[in-house]
N, C-alpha and C. Protein backbone atom coordinates (compact mmCIF):
# COMPACT_ATOMS: atom_id res chain seq x y z
N MET A 1 238.91 4.46 19.02
CA MET A 1 240.34 4.43 19.04
C MET A 1 240.85 5.66 18.30
N ASP A 2 241.90 6.24 18.80
CA ASP A 2 242.50 7.41 18.20
C ASP A 2 243.56 6.99 17.19
N ILE A 3 243.45 7.52 15.97
CA ILE A 3 244.41 7.22 14.90
C ILE A 3 245.03 8.53 14.45
N ARG A 4 246.36 8.55 14.36
CA ARG A 4 247.06 9.72 13.83
C ARG A 4 247.89 9.28 12.64
N ILE A 5 247.76 10.04 11.54
CA ILE A 5 248.46 9.72 10.31
C ILE A 5 249.38 10.88 9.96
N GLY A 6 250.65 10.56 9.77
CA GLY A 6 251.62 11.56 9.34
C GLY A 6 251.62 11.64 7.82
N ILE A 7 251.61 12.86 7.32
CA ILE A 7 251.61 13.11 5.89
C ILE A 7 252.98 13.68 5.51
N ALA A 8 253.64 13.09 4.51
CA ALA A 8 254.95 13.57 4.07
C ALA A 8 254.85 15.01 3.57
N ASN A 9 255.85 15.81 3.88
CA ASN A 9 255.94 17.21 3.48
C ASN A 9 254.82 18.07 4.04
N SER A 10 254.27 17.68 5.17
CA SER A 10 253.23 18.45 5.84
C SER A 10 253.56 18.54 7.32
N PRO A 11 253.53 19.75 7.89
CA PRO A 11 253.85 19.88 9.32
C PRO A 11 252.76 19.35 10.25
N ARG A 12 251.57 19.12 9.73
CA ARG A 12 250.45 18.65 10.55
C ARG A 12 250.19 17.18 10.29
N GLU A 13 249.51 16.57 11.24
CA GLU A 13 249.10 15.18 11.08
C GLU A 13 247.58 15.12 11.05
N LEU A 14 247.07 14.06 10.49
CA LEU A 14 245.63 13.83 10.41
C LEU A 14 245.24 13.00 11.62
N SER A 15 244.27 13.48 12.40
CA SER A 15 243.84 12.78 13.60
C SER A 15 242.39 12.34 13.42
N ILE A 16 242.14 11.06 13.64
CA ILE A 16 240.81 10.48 13.44
C ILE A 16 240.43 9.68 14.68
N GLU A 17 239.20 9.83 15.11
CA GLU A 17 238.64 9.00 16.19
C GLU A 17 237.77 7.95 15.50
N SER A 18 238.21 6.69 15.54
CA SER A 18 237.55 5.62 14.78
C SER A 18 237.00 4.54 15.69
N SER A 19 235.94 3.88 15.22
CA SER A 19 235.38 2.75 15.95
C SER A 19 235.97 1.43 15.47
N GLN A 20 236.87 1.49 14.48
CA GLN A 20 237.53 0.29 13.97
C GLN A 20 238.56 -0.20 14.98
N THR A 21 238.82 -1.50 14.97
CA THR A 21 239.83 -2.06 15.86
C THR A 21 241.22 -1.84 15.28
N PRO A 22 242.26 -1.88 16.12
CA PRO A 22 243.62 -1.74 15.60
C PRO A 22 243.95 -2.78 14.52
N ALA A 23 243.45 -4.00 14.68
CA ALA A 23 243.71 -5.06 13.70
C ALA A 23 243.08 -4.72 12.34
N GLU A 24 241.87 -4.17 12.36
CA GLU A 24 241.20 -3.79 11.12
C GLU A 24 241.96 -2.68 10.40
N VAL A 25 242.40 -1.68 11.15
CA VAL A 25 243.14 -0.56 10.56
C VAL A 25 244.47 -1.05 10.00
N GLU A 26 245.16 -1.89 10.76
CA GLU A 26 246.44 -2.43 10.30
C GLU A 26 246.26 -3.23 9.00
N LYS A 27 245.20 -4.01 8.93
CA LYS A 27 244.93 -4.81 7.74
C LYS A 27 244.65 -3.90 6.53
N LEU A 28 243.86 -2.85 6.72
CA LEU A 28 243.56 -1.90 5.64
C LEU A 28 244.83 -1.22 5.12
N VAL A 29 245.65 -0.75 6.04
CA VAL A 29 246.87 -0.04 5.67
C VAL A 29 247.86 -0.98 5.00
N SER A 30 248.03 -2.17 5.55
CA SER A 30 248.94 -3.15 4.96
C SER A 30 248.51 -3.53 3.55
N ALA A 31 247.23 -3.74 3.36
CA ALA A 31 246.71 -4.10 2.04
C ALA A 31 246.94 -2.98 1.04
N ALA A 32 246.73 -1.73 1.45
CA ALA A 32 246.93 -0.59 0.56
C ALA A 32 248.41 -0.42 0.20
N LEU A 33 249.29 -0.65 1.17
CA LEU A 33 250.72 -0.49 0.91
C LEU A 33 251.28 -1.65 0.08
N ASP A 34 250.75 -2.86 0.25
CA ASP A 34 251.23 -4.03 -0.48
C ASP A 34 250.73 -4.08 -1.92
N SER A 35 249.56 -3.54 -2.15
CA SER A 35 248.98 -3.57 -3.50
C SER A 35 249.38 -2.31 -4.27
N ASP A 36 248.83 -2.20 -5.45
CA ASP A 36 249.08 -1.00 -6.27
C ASP A 36 248.06 0.09 -5.99
N SER A 37 247.42 0.02 -4.83
CA SER A 37 246.41 1.01 -4.46
C SER A 37 247.04 2.39 -4.30
N LYS A 38 246.33 3.41 -4.69
CA LYS A 38 246.86 4.77 -4.60
C LYS A 38 246.39 5.50 -3.35
N PHE A 39 245.40 4.92 -2.63
CA PHE A 39 244.81 5.59 -1.48
C PHE A 39 244.58 4.64 -0.30
N ILE A 40 244.60 5.22 0.90
CA ILE A 40 244.18 4.53 2.12
C ILE A 40 242.88 5.21 2.55
N LYS A 41 241.83 4.44 2.73
CA LYS A 41 240.52 5.00 3.09
C LYS A 41 240.16 4.57 4.50
N LEU A 42 239.91 5.55 5.37
CA LEU A 42 239.50 5.29 6.76
C LEU A 42 238.23 6.08 7.05
N THR A 43 237.40 5.53 7.93
CA THR A 43 236.15 6.20 8.32
C THR A 43 236.18 6.46 9.81
N ASP A 44 235.79 7.68 10.21
CA ASP A 44 235.75 7.98 11.64
C ASP A 44 234.42 7.53 12.23
N GLU A 45 234.26 7.70 13.54
CA GLU A 45 233.05 7.19 14.21
C GLU A 45 231.79 7.98 13.89
N LYS A 46 231.94 9.15 13.23
CA LYS A 46 230.78 9.94 12.81
C LYS A 46 230.41 9.68 11.36
N GLY A 47 231.18 8.82 10.70
CA GLY A 47 230.87 8.46 9.32
C GLY A 47 231.64 9.24 8.27
N LYS A 48 232.53 10.13 8.66
CA LYS A 48 233.33 10.88 7.69
C LYS A 48 234.37 9.97 7.07
N LEU A 49 234.57 10.11 5.77
CA LEU A 49 235.53 9.30 5.04
C LEU A 49 236.81 10.12 4.84
N TYR A 50 237.95 9.53 5.18
CA TYR A 50 239.26 10.17 5.00
C TYR A 50 240.03 9.35 3.98
N ILE A 51 240.51 10.01 2.93
CA ILE A 51 241.27 9.35 1.88
C ILE A 51 242.66 9.97 1.86
N VAL A 52 243.68 9.13 2.12
CA VAL A 52 245.07 9.58 2.19
C VAL A 52 245.84 8.92 1.05
N PRO A 53 246.52 9.71 0.20
CA PRO A 53 247.33 9.11 -0.86
C PRO A 53 248.47 8.28 -0.28
N VAL A 54 248.67 7.08 -0.78
CA VAL A 54 249.71 6.18 -0.30
C VAL A 54 251.09 6.81 -0.49
N ALA A 55 251.27 7.56 -1.57
CA ALA A 55 252.56 8.17 -1.87
C ALA A 55 252.98 9.18 -0.80
N SER A 56 252.02 9.83 -0.13
CA SER A 56 252.36 10.83 0.89
C SER A 56 252.21 10.30 2.31
N PHE A 57 251.90 9.01 2.45
CA PHE A 57 251.73 8.38 3.76
C PHE A 57 253.09 8.26 4.44
N SER A 58 253.20 8.80 5.65
CA SER A 58 254.49 8.81 6.35
C SER A 58 254.49 7.83 7.53
N TYR A 59 253.49 7.91 8.40
CA TYR A 59 253.40 6.99 9.54
C TYR A 59 251.97 6.89 10.04
N LEU A 60 251.71 5.86 10.83
CA LEU A 60 250.41 5.64 11.43
C LEU A 60 250.61 5.36 12.92
N GLU A 61 249.88 6.08 13.74
CA GLU A 61 249.96 5.88 15.19
C GLU A 61 248.55 5.61 15.70
N MET A 62 248.39 4.47 16.40
CA MET A 62 247.09 4.11 16.95
C MET A 62 247.17 4.20 18.46
N GLY A 63 246.20 4.90 19.07
CA GLY A 63 246.22 5.12 20.51
C GLY A 63 245.21 4.27 21.24
N GLY A 64 244.82 4.77 22.41
CA GLY A 64 243.89 4.06 23.28
C GLY A 64 242.56 3.81 22.62
N GLU A 65 241.82 2.91 23.19
CA GLU A 65 240.54 2.51 22.63
C GLU A 65 239.53 3.66 22.58
N GLU A 66 239.48 4.46 23.63
CA GLU A 66 238.49 5.53 23.64
C GLU A 66 239.02 6.71 24.43
N ARG A 67 238.78 7.89 23.90
CA ARG A 67 239.22 9.12 24.54
C ARG A 67 238.16 9.57 25.55
N ALA A 68 238.59 10.09 26.69
CA ALA A 68 237.65 10.62 27.69
C ALA A 68 237.06 11.93 27.17
N HIS A 69 235.74 12.04 27.20
CA HIS A 69 235.08 13.25 26.74
C HIS A 69 234.83 14.18 27.90
N VAL A 70 235.12 15.45 27.70
CA VAL A 70 234.94 16.45 28.75
C VAL A 70 233.89 17.44 28.29
N GLY A 71 232.98 17.80 29.16
CA GLY A 71 231.98 18.79 28.84
C GLY A 71 230.58 18.25 29.04
N PHE A 72 229.62 19.06 28.63
CA PHE A 72 228.21 18.71 28.78
C PHE A 72 227.66 18.23 27.46
N VAL A 73 226.80 17.25 27.50
CA VAL A 73 226.14 16.75 26.31
C VAL A 73 224.71 17.24 26.33
N ALA A 74 224.30 17.85 25.23
CA ALA A 74 222.94 18.39 25.14
C ALA A 74 222.03 17.46 24.39
């Protein structure tokens, strides 16, 4: 699933391809925003960890389940 996160005071957004379900991501984000947590932690499908400060979190956009891959796989 494609996740895009808007960062306050930044012209770019953070784009992550994740294997987590929309419900899991929503639960993580809601828990971070409701608690005194300072960060939102998400992992992409390759295992990279993304840590976004809650104070600069602007929006979250979740897209389709899987993006079509173009090209050759070696």
